[in-house]
Amino acid sequence: MDLRLGARAWRVRASFLPGLGRKVTERLKDVAMHELDLTKGAVLEKGCVYIAELQEHLALPLNISARGNPKSSTGRVDVFVRLLTNHSRAFDDVDAGYHGPLYMEIAPQTFSVLVRTGTRLNQLRLKRGEPAKLSTRSVGVDLSPGIVGFRGRRHAGVVDLDHEDGHDPRDFWEPLETRHGELLLDPGEFYILASKDDIEIPVMEAAEMTPIDPSVGEFRVHYAGFFDPGFGTEEAAAVGSKGVLEVRSHETPFLLEDGQTVARLVYEPLTSRPARLYGEGGSHYQRQGLKLSKHFKAWT
């Protein structure tokens, strides 16, 4: 389920968790700097942190919990978002039986972004109990000779997150080409890369892209880590879909090699077959190769 921004957001001086027994609005009194009216549209500046109210409220049964994750298009423009609830002690997790409002922390990293009431930046998944982990799969990066990815331009303009195919990618991205199957990641830079192998998510399963052990490499992969049932499957007429990787290096430069493991997919079962598979009815990312977010025109 997509979650929609509400009417108000607040620029805050620090991220926070409300903690047991406290509401988000109570903590906002301590950290809010000013309020933004999202009904008229507002620019969220890179390097700043915001808390926005969402239109959705939850009334979960005692046996149902939930978890939030960024939408693919949000992660691909390097906007870091996390779900908040009253009394929460962890981002993105909603306790079973929760009744109350939802909030979102928004932190643009590379580009400033334009949002408004109704903009959809993250999703909510409902869970009954603790789903079993069916299997895991390593994901390698494709650094074959040629254009292998894109690096975000630091001083680009504003990305309108409700404007599809509305931005010239050359104003925001620098293409990256390799000749020897290696790519040097610079600290603090944001990269869009692709998986070496095709990704396939069976119809009765879903998968989450999880970070690798820090001992394998000093970088973070994939803000938007959820893959829907049917992604890349023959049944959804989508064989040949790559996983697009959102990559940011940490404190030190890091040299990636072709095929190197950069993340892992963890597969979980569904409780029932979905009414519609991923990509049925149209999707920007089914049958994708190396692809920027839907906000940008095709790279030519």
C-alpha atoms as a PDB file:
ATOM      1  CA  MET A   1       0.000   0.000   0.000  1.00  0.00           C
ATOM      2  CA  ASP A   2       1.378   3.418  -0.984  1.00  0.00           C
ATOM      3  CA  LEU A   3       1.432   6.086   1.725  1.00  0.00           C
ATOM      4  CA  ARG A   4       0.587   9.709   0.865  1.00  0.00           C
ATOM      5  CA  LEU A   5       1.991  12.916   2.289  1.00  0.00           C
ATOM      6  CA  GLY A   6      -0.477  14.964   4.308  1.00  0.00           C
ATOM      7  CA  ALA A   7      -0.882  18.726   4.561  1.00  0.00           C
ATOM      8  CA  ARG A   8       2.054  19.587   6.839  1.00  0.00           C
ATOM      9  CA  ALA A   9       5.757  18.936   7.257  1.00  0.00           C
ATOM     10  CA  TRP A  10       8.360  20.293   9.656  1.00  0.00           C
ATOM     11  CA  ARG A  11      12.029  21.064   9.134  1.00  0.00           C
ATOM     12  CA  VAL A  12      13.790  19.545  12.143  1.00  0.00           C
ATOM     13  CA  ARG A  13      17.273  20.032  13.521  1.00  0.00           C
ATOM     14  CA  ALA A  14      17.746  16.333  14.228  1.00  0.00           C
ATOM     15  CA  SER A  15      16.258  12.945  13.493  1.00  0.00           C
ATOM     16  CA  PHE A  16      14.567  11.221  16.422  1.00  0.00           C
ATOM     17  CA  LEU A  17      12.527   8.278  17.650  1.00  0.00           C
ATOM     18  CA  PRO A  18       9.649   9.157  19.999  1.00  0.00           C
ATOM     19  CA  GLY A  19      10.230   6.170  22.280  1.00  0.00           C
ATOM     20  CA  LEU A  20       7.827   4.197  24.407  1.00  0.00           C
ATOM     21  CA  GLY A  21       4.972   6.279  25.806  1.00  0.00           C
ATOM     22  CA  ARG A  22       5.633   9.391  23.702  1.00  0.00           C
ATOM     23  CA  LYS A  23       3.943  10.762  20.590  1.00  0.00           C
ATOM     24  CA  VAL A  24       5.664  12.158  17.514  1.00  0.00           C
ATOM     25  CA  THR A  25       3.981  15.553  18.023  1.00  0.00           C
ATOM     26  CA  GLU A  26       5.443  15.773  21.536  1.00  0.00           C
ATOM     27  CA  ARG A  27       8.979  15.248  20.262  1.00  0.00           C
ATOM     28  CA  LEU A  28       8.435  17.689  17.391  1.00  0.00           C
ATOM     29  CA  LYS A  29       8.051  20.504  19.922  1.00  0.00           C
ATOM     30  CA  ASP A  30      11.698  19.976  20.887  1.00  0.00           C
ATOM     31  CA  VAL A  31      13.277  19.719  17.417  1.00  0.00           C
ATOM     32  CA  ALA A  32      11.030  21.519  14.890  1.00  0.00           C
ATOM     33  CA  MET A  33      12.521  24.640  13.276  1.00  0.00           C
ATOM     34  CA  HIS A  34       9.610  25.684  11.057  1.00  0.00           C
ATOM     35  CA  GLU A  35       6.441  24.288   9.482  1.00  0.00           C
ATOM     36  CA  LEU A  36       5.814  23.813   5.744  1.00  0.00           C
ATOM     37  CA  ASP A  37       2.438  23.899   3.986  1.00  0.00           C
ATOM     38  CA  LEU A  38       2.466  20.966   1.567  1.00  0.00           C
ATOM     39  CA  THR A  39      -0.921  21.798   0.050  1.00  0.00           C
ATOM     40  CA  LYS A  40       0.802  24.464  -2.058  1.00  0.00           C
ATOM     41  CA  GLY A  41       3.900  22.373  -2.747  1.00  0.00           C
ATOM     42  CA  ALA A  42       7.226  22.771  -0.969  1.00  0.00           C
ATOM     43  CA  VAL A  43      10.891  22.242  -1.799  1.00  0.00           C
ATOM     44  CA  LEU A  44      12.729  19.948   0.603  1.00  0.00           C
ATOM     45  CA  GLU A  45      16.387  20.911   0.457  1.00  0.00           C
ATOM     46  CA  LYS A  46      19.198  18.388   0.245  1.00  0.00           C
ATOM     47  CA  GLY A  47      21.166  17.952   3.437  1.00  0.00           C
ATOM     48  CA  CYS A  48      18.144  18.793   5.607  1.00  0.00           C
ATOM     49  CA  VAL A  49      15.804  16.560   7.618  1.00  0.00           C
ATOM     50  CA  TYR A  50      12.010  16.852   7.618  1.00  0.00           C
ATOM     51  CA  ILE A  51       9.110  15.134   9.366  1.00  0.00           C
ATOM     52  CA  ALA A  52       5.837  14.969   7.411  1.00  0.00           C
ATOM     53  CA  GLU A  53       2.425  13.796   8.495  1.00  0.00           C
ATOM     54  CA  LEU A  54       0.810  11.135   6.309  1.00  0.00           C
ATOM     55  CA  GLN A  55      -2.820  10.905   5.267  1.00  0.00           C
ATOM     56  CA  GLU A  56      -3.161   7.287   6.381  1.00  0.00           C
ATOM     57  CA  HIS A  57      -3.985   6.170   9.923  1.00  0.00           C
ATOM     58  CA  LEU A  58      -3.736   2.558  11.099  1.00  0.00           C
ATOM     59  CA  ALA A  59      -5.926   0.351  13.253  1.00  0.00           C
ATOM     60  CA  LEU A  60      -4.075  -2.970  13.185  1.00  0.00           C
ATOM     61  CA  PRO A  61      -5.406  -6.200  14.720  1.00  0.00           C
ATOM     62  CA  LEU A  62      -3.313  -7.690  17.503  1.00  0.00           C
ATOM     63  CA  ASN A  63      -1.890 -10.352  15.172  1.00  0.00           C
ATOM     64  CA  ILE A  64      -0.916  -7.979  12.344  1.00  0.00           C
ATOM     65  CA  SER A  65       2.230  -5.832  12.254  1.00  0.00           C
ATOM     66  CA  ALA A  66       3.559  -3.672   9.426  1.00  0.00           C
ATOM     67  CA  ARG A  67       6.792  -2.456   7.895  1.00  0.00           C
ATOM     68  CA  GLY A  68       7.495   0.563   5.718  1.00  0.00           C
ATOM     69  CA  ASN A  69       9.968   0.806   2.866  1.00  0.00           C
ATOM     70  CA  PRO A  70      10.794   3.484   0.286  1.00  0.00           C
ATOM     71  CA  LYS A  71       9.298   3.258  -3.183  1.00  0.00           C
ATOM     72  CA  SER A  72      11.772   2.431  -5.944  1.00  0.00           C
ATOM     73  CA  SER A  73      11.512   5.913  -7.432  1.00  0.00           C
ATOM     74  CA  THR A  74      12.308   7.500  -4.058  1.00  0.00           C
ATOM     75  CA  GLY A  75      15.516   5.563  -3.536  1.00  0.00           C
ATOM     76  CA  ARG A  76      16.700   6.216  -7.078  1.00  0.00           C
ATOM     77  CA  VAL A  77      16.810   9.974  -6.482  1.00  0.00           C
ATOM     78  CA  ASP A  78      18.691   9.479  -3.196  1.00  0.00           C
ATOM     79  CA  VAL A  79      15.884  10.580  -0.902  1.00  0.00           C
ATOM     80  CA  PHE A  80      16.195   8.782   2.423  1.00  0.00           C
ATOM     81  CA  VAL A  81      12.769   8.140   3.982  1.00  0.00           C
ATOM     82  CA  ARG A  82      11.741   6.271   7.132  1.00  0.00           C
ATOM     83  CA  LEU A  83       8.363   5.576   8.712  1.00  0.00           C
ATOM     84  CA  LEU A  84       7.549   6.856  12.211  1.00  0.00           C
ATOM     85  CA  THR A  85       4.694   6.037  14.579  1.00  0.00           C
ATOM     86  CA  ASN A  86       3.774   7.148  18.063  1.00  0.00           C
ATOM     87  CA  HIS A  87       5.742   5.268  20.743  1.00  0.00           C
ATOM     88  CA  SER A  88       8.106   3.761  18.132  1.00  0.00           C
ATOM     89  CA  ARG A  89      11.556   2.585  19.163  1.00  0.00           C
ATOM     90  CA  ALA A  90      12.638   1.616  15.631  1.00  0.00           C
ATOM     91  CA  PHE A  91      12.159   3.234  12.237  1.00  0.00           C
ATOM     92  CA  ASP A  92       9.895   1.560   9.643  1.00  0.00           C
ATOM     93  CA  ASP A  93       8.498  -1.081  12.024  1.00  0.00           C
ATOM     94  CA  VAL A  94       4.872  -0.796  13.179  1.00  0.00           C
ATOM     95  CA  ASP A  95       3.948  -2.943  16.168  1.00  0.00           C
ATOM     96  CA  ALA A  96       1.074  -5.409  15.984  1.00  0.00           C
ATOM     97  CA  GLY A  97      -2.161  -3.827  17.204  1.00  0.00           C
ATOM     98  CA  TYR A  98      -1.004  -0.238  16.585  1.00  0.00           C
ATOM     99  CA  HIS A  99      -3.786   2.350  16.413  1.00  0.00           C
ATOM    100  CA  GLY A 100      -2.770   5.844  15.406  1.00  0.00           C
ATOM    101  CA  PRO A 101      -1.301   8.253  12.856  1.00  0.00           C
ATOM    102  CA  LEU A 102       1.718   7.756  10.608  1.00  0.00           C
ATOM    103  CA  TYR A 103       4.622  10.118   9.946  1.00  0.00           C
ATOM    104  CA  MET A 104       7.599  10.043   7.623  1.00  0.00           C
ATOM    105  CA  GLU A 105      11.146  11.263   8.046  1.00  0.00           C
ATOM    106  CA  ILE A 106      12.446  12.668   4.738  1.00  0.00           C
ATOM    107  CA  ALA A 107      16.109  13.491   4.119  1.00  0.00           C
ATOM    108  CA  PRO A 108      17.101  14.374   0.519  1.00  0.00           C
ATOM    109  CA  GLN A 109      20.787  13.606   0.023  1.00  0.00           C
ATOM    110  CA  THR A 110      21.877  14.514  -3.523  1.00  0.00           C
ATOM    111  CA  PHE A 111      18.993  16.518  -5.034  1.00  0.00           C
ATOM    112  CA  SER A 112      16.533  18.976  -3.524  1.00  0.00           C
ATOM    113  CA  VAL A 113      13.000  17.768  -4.264  1.00  0.00           C
ATOM    114  CA  LEU A 114       9.552  19.275  -4.758  1.00  0.00           C
ATOM    115  CA  VAL A 115       6.705  17.485  -2.960  1.00  0.00           C
ATOM    116  CA  ARG A 116       3.085  18.249  -2.185  1.00  0.00           C
ATOM    117  CA  THR A 117       0.070  16.781  -0.411  1.00  0.00           C
ATOM    118  CA  GLY A 118      -0.535  13.357  -1.941  1.00  0.00           C
ATOM    119  CA  THR A 119       3.067  12.680  -3.038  1.00  0.00           C
ATOM    120  CA  ARG A 120       3.866   8.994  -2.507  1.00  0.00           C
ATOM    121  CA  LEU A 121       7.365   8.280  -1.219  1.00  0.00           C
ATOM    122  CA  ASN A 122       7.039   4.994   0.636  1.00  0.00           C
ATOM    123  CA  GLN A 123       4.924   1.870   1.014  1.00  0.00           C
ATOM    124  CA  LEU A 124       3.489  -0.235   3.814  1.00  0.00           C
ATOM    125  CA  ARG A 125       3.534  -4.030   3.992  1.00  0.00           C
ATOM    126  CA  LEU A 126       1.328  -5.944   6.423  1.00  0.00           C
ATOM    127  CA  LYS A 127       2.642  -9.075   8.148  1.00  0.00           C
ATOM    128  CA  ARG A 128       0.892 -11.825  10.088  1.00  0.00           C
ATOM    129  CA  GLY A 129       3.318 -13.187  12.634  1.00  0.00           C
ATOM    130  CA  GLU A 130       6.980 -13.452  11.625  1.00  0.00           C
ATOM    131  CA  PRO A 131       7.278 -14.818   8.061  1.00  0.00           C
ATOM    132  CA  ALA A 132       9.800 -17.599   7.548  1.00  0.00           C
ATOM    133  CA  LYS A 133      12.924 -16.822   5.537  1.00  0.00           C
ATOM    134  CA  LEU A 134      12.677 -19.181   2.557  1.00  0.00           C
ATOM    135  CA  SER A 135      16.064 -18.568   0.977  1.00  0.00           C
ATOM    136  CA  THR A 136      18.759 -15.985   0.330  1.00  0.00           C
ATOM    137  CA  ARG A 137      20.616 -15.041  -2.831  1.00  0.00           C
ATOM    138  CA  SER A 138      23.752 -12.993  -3.374  1.00  0.00           C
ATOM    139  CA  VAL A 139      23.505 -10.065  -5.789  1.00  0.00           C
ATOM    140  CA  GLY A 140      26.547  -9.047  -7.817  1.00  0.00           C
ATOM    141  CA  VAL A 141      27.157  -5.787  -9.668  1.00  0.00           C
ATOM    142  CA  ASP A 142      27.482  -5.522 -13.460  1.00  0.00           C
ATOM    143  CA  LEU A 143      30.634  -3.648 -14.481  1.00  0.00           C
ATOM    144  CA  SER A 144      30.988  -5.074 -17.983  1.00  0.00           C
ATOM    145  CA  PRO A 145      32.741  -2.748 -20.479  1.00  0.00           C
ATOM    146  CA  GLY A 146      30.589   0.213 -21.522  1.00  0.00           C
ATOM    147  CA  ILE A 147      28.224   2.480 -19.581  1.00  0.00           C
ATOM    148  CA  VAL A 148      27.655   0.719 -16.257  1.00  0.00           C
ATOM    149  CA  GLY A 149      25.884   3.369 -14.220  1.00  0.00           C
ATOM    150  CA  PHE A 150      25.284   6.989 -13.308  1.00  0.00           C
ATOM    151  CA  ARG A 151      26.614   9.332 -10.628  1.00  0.00           C
ATOM    152  CA  GLY A 152      24.413  12.102  -9.245  1.00  0.00           C
ATOM    153  CA  ARG A 153      25.502  15.669  -9.982  1.00  0.00           C
ATOM    154  CA  ARG A 154      26.020  17.563  -6.749  1.00  0.00           C
ATOM    155  CA  HIS A 155      24.748  20.964  -7.899  1.00  0.00           C
ATOM    156  CA  ALA A 156      21.729  20.022 -10.002  1.00  0.00           C
ATOM    157  CA  GLY A 157      18.274  21.581  -9.913  1.00  0.00           C
ATOM    158  CA  VAL A 158      15.115  20.506  -8.110  1.00  0.00           C
ATOM    159  CA  VAL A 159      13.439  17.161  -8.887  1.00  0.00           C
ATOM    160  CA  ASP A 160       9.629  17.321  -8.922  1.00  0.00           C
ATOM    161  CA  LEU A 161       8.646  13.953  -7.448  1.00  0.00           C
ATOM    162  CA  ASP A 162       5.192  14.044  -9.063  1.00  0.00           C
ATOM    163  CA  HIS A 163       6.450  14.838 -12.575  1.00  0.00           C
ATOM    164  CA  GLU A 164       7.109  11.656 -14.559  1.00  0.00           C
ATOM    165  CA  ASP A 165       9.435  11.792 -17.577  1.00  0.00           C
ATOM    166  CA  GLY A 166       9.758  15.506 -16.932  1.00  0.00           C
ATOM    167  CA  HIS A 167      13.478  16.039 -16.318  1.00  0.00           C
ATOM    168  CA  ASP A 168      16.477  15.886 -18.641  1.00  0.00           C
ATOM    169  CA  PRO A 169      18.739  13.244 -17.070  1.00  0.00           C
ATOM    170  CA  ARG A 170      21.910  14.988 -18.283  1.00  0.00           C
ATOM    171  CA  ASP A 171      21.138  17.897 -15.964  1.00  0.00           C
ATOM    172  CA  PHE A 172      21.197  15.560 -12.955  1.00  0.00           C
ATOM    173  CA  TRP A 173      23.393  12.565 -13.797  1.00  0.00           C
ATOM    174  CA  GLU A 174      26.863  11.808 -15.094  1.00  0.00           C
ATOM    175  CA  PRO A 175      27.223   8.515 -17.037  1.00  0.00           C
ATOM    176  CA  LEU A 176      29.964   6.144 -15.895  1.00  0.00           C
ATOM    177  CA  GLU A 177      31.926   3.936 -18.262  1.00  0.00           C
ATOM    178  CA  THR A 178      34.384   1.163 -17.460  1.00  0.00           C
ATOM    179  CA  ARG A 179      36.986  -0.567 -19.594  1.00  0.00           C
ATOM    180  CA  HIS A 180      38.548  -2.984 -17.134  1.00  0.00           C
ATOM    181  CA  GLY A 181      35.582  -4.149 -15.056  1.00  0.00           C
ATOM    182  CA  GLU A 182      36.299  -1.864 -12.102  1.00  0.00           C
ATOM    183  CA  LEU A 183      34.639   1.241 -10.649  1.00  0.00           C
ATOM    184  CA  LEU A 184      36.036   3.468  -7.910  1.00  0.00           C
ATOM    185  CA  LEU A 185      33.349   4.694  -5.498  1.00  0.00           C
ATOM    186  CA  ASP A 186      34.119   8.125  -4.059  1.00  0.00           C
ATOM    187  CA  PRO A 187      32.988   8.813  -0.467  1.00  0.00           C
ATOM    188  CA  GLY A 188      29.726  10.725  -0.235  1.00  0.00           C
ATOM    189  CA  GLU A 189      28.771  10.247  -3.893  1.00  0.00           C
ATOM    190  CA  PHE A 190      25.572   8.530  -5.055  1.00  0.00           C
ATOM    191  CA  TYR A 191      25.544   5.922  -7.819  1.00  0.00           C
ATOM    192  CA  ILE A 192      22.950   4.033  -9.847  1.00  0.00           C
ATOM    193  CA  LEU A 193      24.239   0.616 -10.969  1.00  0.00           C
ATOM    194  CA  ALA A 194      22.660  -2.674 -12.094  1.00  0.00           C
ATOM    195  CA  SER A 195      22.835  -6.290 -10.970  1.00  0.00           C
ATOM    196  CA  LYS A 196      25.004  -8.723 -12.905  1.00  0.00           C
ATOM    197  CA  ASP A 197      22.278 -11.352 -13.167  1.00  0.00           C
ATOM    198  CA  ASP A 198      18.549 -11.158 -13.783  1.00  0.00           C
ATOM    199  CA  ILE A 199      16.276 -11.011 -10.733  1.00  0.00           C
ATOM    200  CA  GLU A 200      13.190 -13.217 -10.458  1.00  0.00           C
ATOM    201  CA  ILE A 201      10.669 -13.191  -7.604  1.00  0.00           C
ATOM    202  CA  PRO A 202       8.227 -16.140  -7.661  1.00  0.00           C
ATOM    203  CA  VAL A 203       4.516 -15.373  -7.666  1.00  0.00           C
ATOM    204  CA  MET A 204       3.960 -16.685  -4.132  1.00  0.00           C
ATOM    205  CA  GLU A 205       6.990 -14.942  -2.649  1.00  0.00           C
ATOM    206  CA  ALA A 206       8.356 -11.465  -2.017  1.00  0.00           C
ATOM    207  CA  ALA A 207      11.946 -10.441  -1.409  1.00  0.00           C
ATOM    208  CA  GLU A 208      13.883  -7.758   0.399  1.00  0.00           C
ATOM    209  CA  MET A 209      17.324  -6.468  -0.575  1.00  0.00           C
ATOM    210  CA  THR A 210      19.429  -6.425   2.578  1.00  0.00           C
ATOM    211  CA  PRO A 211      22.848  -4.863   3.230  1.00  0.00           C
ATOM    212  CA  ILE A 212      25.889  -7.075   3.128  1.00  0.00           C
ATOM    213  CA  ASP A 213      28.230  -7.503   6.065  1.00  0.00           C
ATOM    214  CA  PRO A 214      30.371  -4.335   6.464  1.00  0.00           C
ATOM    215  CA  SER A 215      33.464  -6.537   6.335  1.00  0.00           C
ATOM    216  CA  VAL A 216      32.721  -7.214   2.641  1.00  0.00           C
ATOM    217  CA  GLY A 217      32.805  -3.546   1.628  1.00  0.00           C
ATOM    218  CA  GLU A 218      32.456  -0.011   2.955  1.00  0.00           C
ATOM    219  CA  PHE A 219      29.336   1.010   1.060  1.00  0.00           C
ATOM    220  CA  ARG A 220      25.560   0.940   1.346  1.00  0.00           C
ATOM    221  CA  VAL A 221      23.302  -0.556  -1.317  1.00  0.00           C
ATOM    222  CA  HIS A 222      19.588  -0.094  -1.921  1.00  0.00           C
ATOM    223  CA  TYR A 223      17.409   2.332  -0.009  1.00  0.00           C
ATOM    224  CA  ALA A 224      14.293   0.833  -1.641  1.00  0.00           C
ATOM    225  CA  GLY A 225      14.815  -2.789  -0.772  1.00  0.00           C
ATOM    226  CA  PHE A 226      11.511  -4.529  -1.540  1.00  0.00           C
ATOM    227  CA  PHE A 227      10.780  -6.639  -4.630  1.00  0.00           C
ATOM    228  CA  ASP A 228       7.151  -7.481  -5.402  1.00  0.00           C
ATOM    229  CA  PRO A 229       5.772 -10.918  -6.327  1.00  0.00           C
ATOM    230  CA  GLY A 230       6.159 -11.703 -10.018  1.00  0.00           C
ATOM    231  CA  PHE A 231       9.071  -9.321 -10.628  1.00  0.00           C
ATOM    232  CA  GLY A 232      11.104 -10.664 -13.540  1.00  0.00           C
ATOM    233  CA  THR A 233       8.979 -13.794 -14.044  1.00  0.00           C
ATOM    234  CA  GLU A 234       7.785 -15.451 -17.236  1.00  0.00           C
ATOM    235  CA  GLU A 235       4.243 -15.446 -15.849  1.00  0.00           C
ATOM    236  CA  ALA A 236       4.333 -11.634 -15.743  1.00  0.00           C
ATOM    237  CA  ALA A 237       6.016 -11.517 -19.179  1.00  0.00           C
ATOM    238  CA  ALA A 238       9.053  -9.911 -17.591  1.00  0.00           C
ATOM    239  CA  VAL A 239      11.958 -12.330 -17.946  1.00  0.00           C
ATOM    240  CA  GLY A 240      15.254 -10.463 -18.124  1.00  0.00           C
ATOM    241  CA  SER A 241      14.706  -7.858 -15.389  1.00  0.00           C
ATOM    242  CA  LYS A 242      17.793  -6.568 -13.614  1.00  0.00           C
ATOM    243  CA  GLY A 243      17.915  -5.226 -10.103  1.00  0.00           C
ATOM    244  CA  VAL A 244      18.834  -1.543 -10.069  1.00  0.00           C
ATOM    245  CA  LEU A 245      21.243  -0.785  -7.233  1.00  0.00           C
ATOM    246  CA  GLU A 246      21.379   2.499  -5.338  1.00  0.00           C
ATOM    247  CA  VAL A 247      24.907   2.727  -3.982  1.00  0.00           C
ATOM    248  CA  ARG A 248      26.648   5.157  -1.637  1.00  0.00           C
ATOM    249  CA  SER A 249      30.198   4.729  -0.395  1.00  0.00           C
ATOM    250  CA  HIS A 250      31.032   5.407   3.256  1.00  0.00           C
ATOM    251  CA  GLU A 251      34.100   7.185   4.629  1.00  0.00           C
ATOM    252  CA  THR A 252      36.749   5.677   2.346  1.00  0.00           C
ATOM    253  CA  PRO A 253      37.051   5.220  -1.440  1.00  0.00           C
ATOM    254  CA  PHE A 254      36.164   1.683  -2.476  1.00  0.00           C
ATOM    255  CA  LEU A 255      37.051  -0.202  -5.666  1.00  0.00           C
ATOM    256  CA  LEU A 256      34.208  -2.368  -6.989  1.00  0.00           C
ATOM    257  CA  GLU A 257      34.901  -5.248  -9.385  1.00  0.00           C
ATOM    258  CA  ASP A 258      32.630  -6.803 -11.985  1.00  0.00           C
ATOM    259  CA  GLY A 259      30.404  -9.466 -10.398  1.00  0.00           C
ATOM    260  CA  GLN A 260      31.335  -8.529  -6.827  1.00  0.00           C
ATOM    261  CA  THR A 261      28.633  -9.265  -4.248  1.00  0.00           C
ATOM    262  CA  VAL A 262      27.065  -6.004  -3.077  1.00  0.00           C
ATOM    263  CA  ALA A 263      23.789  -7.130  -1.457  1.00  0.00           C
ATOM    264  CA  ARG A 264      21.621 -10.127  -0.653  1.00  0.00           C
ATOM    265  CA  LEU A 265      18.014 -10.954  -1.479  1.00  0.00           C
ATOM    266  CA  VAL A 266      15.973 -12.546   1.317  1.00  0.00           C
ATOM    267  CA  TYR A 267      12.836 -14.348   0.113  1.00  0.00           C
ATOM    268  CA  GLU A 268       9.664 -14.610   2.228  1.00  0.00           C
ATOM    269  CA  PRO A 269       6.328 -16.387   1.589  1.00  0.00           C
ATOM    270  CA  LEU A 270       2.996 -14.685   0.920  1.00  0.00           C
ATOM    271  CA  THR A 271      -0.194 -15.659   2.731  1.00  0.00           C
ATOM    272  CA  SER A 272      -2.136 -15.770  -0.569  1.00  0.00           C
ATOM    273  CA  ARG A 273      -1.627 -15.217  -4.280  1.00  0.00           C
ATOM    274  CA  PRO A 274      -1.705 -11.500  -5.205  1.00  0.00           C
ATOM    275  CA  ALA A 275      -4.656 -10.297  -7.261  1.00  0.00           C
ATOM    276  CA  ARG A 276      -2.218  -8.637  -9.665  1.00  0.00           C
ATOM    277  CA  LEU A 277       1.428  -9.403 -10.316  1.00  0.00           C
ATOM    278  CA  TYR A 278       4.092  -6.730 -10.391  1.00  0.00           C
ATOM    279  CA  GLY A 279       4.002  -4.964 -13.745  1.00  0.00           C
ATOM    280  CA  GLU A 280       0.502  -6.046 -14.744  1.00  0.00           C
ATOM    281  CA  GLY A 281      -1.315  -2.907 -15.777  1.00  0.00           C
ATOM    282  CA  GLY A 282       1.954  -1.072 -16.375  1.00  0.00           C
ATOM    283  CA  SER A 283       5.187  -0.425 -14.508  1.00  0.00           C
ATOM    284  CA  HIS A 284       8.220   1.748 -15.096  1.00  0.00           C
ATOM    285  CA  TYR A 285      10.610  -0.910 -13.816  1.00  0.00           C
ATOM    286  CA  GLN A 286       9.431  -4.317 -15.037  1.00  0.00           C
ATOM    287  CA  ARG A 287      11.839  -5.750 -17.663  1.00  0.00           C
ATOM    288  CA  GLN A 288      14.326  -3.066 -16.672  1.00  0.00           C
ATOM    289  CA  GLY A 289      18.030  -2.956 -17.293  1.00  0.00           C
ATOM    290  CA  LEU A 290      20.137  -0.065 -16.018  1.00  0.00           C
ATOM    291  CA  LYS A 291      17.418   2.537 -15.478  1.00  0.00           C
ATOM    292  CA  LEU A 292      17.026   5.884 -13.748  1.00  0.00           C
ATOM    293  CA  SER A 293      13.863   6.760 -11.834  1.00  0.00           C
ATOM    294  CA  LYS A 294      10.591   7.509 -13.609  1.00  0.00           C
ATOM    295  CA  HIS A 295      11.097  11.250 -13.078  1.00  0.00           C
ATOM    296  CA  PHE A 296      13.668  11.375 -15.887  1.00  0.00           C
ATOM    297  CA  LYS A 297      13.370  11.054 -19.638  1.00  0.00           C
ATOM    298  CA  ALA A 298      15.127   8.105 -21.254  1.00  0.00           C
ATOM    299  CA  TRP A 299      18.900   8.475 -21.555  1.00  0.00           C
ATOM    300  CA  THR A 300      19.831   8.919 -25.214  1.00  0.00           C
END
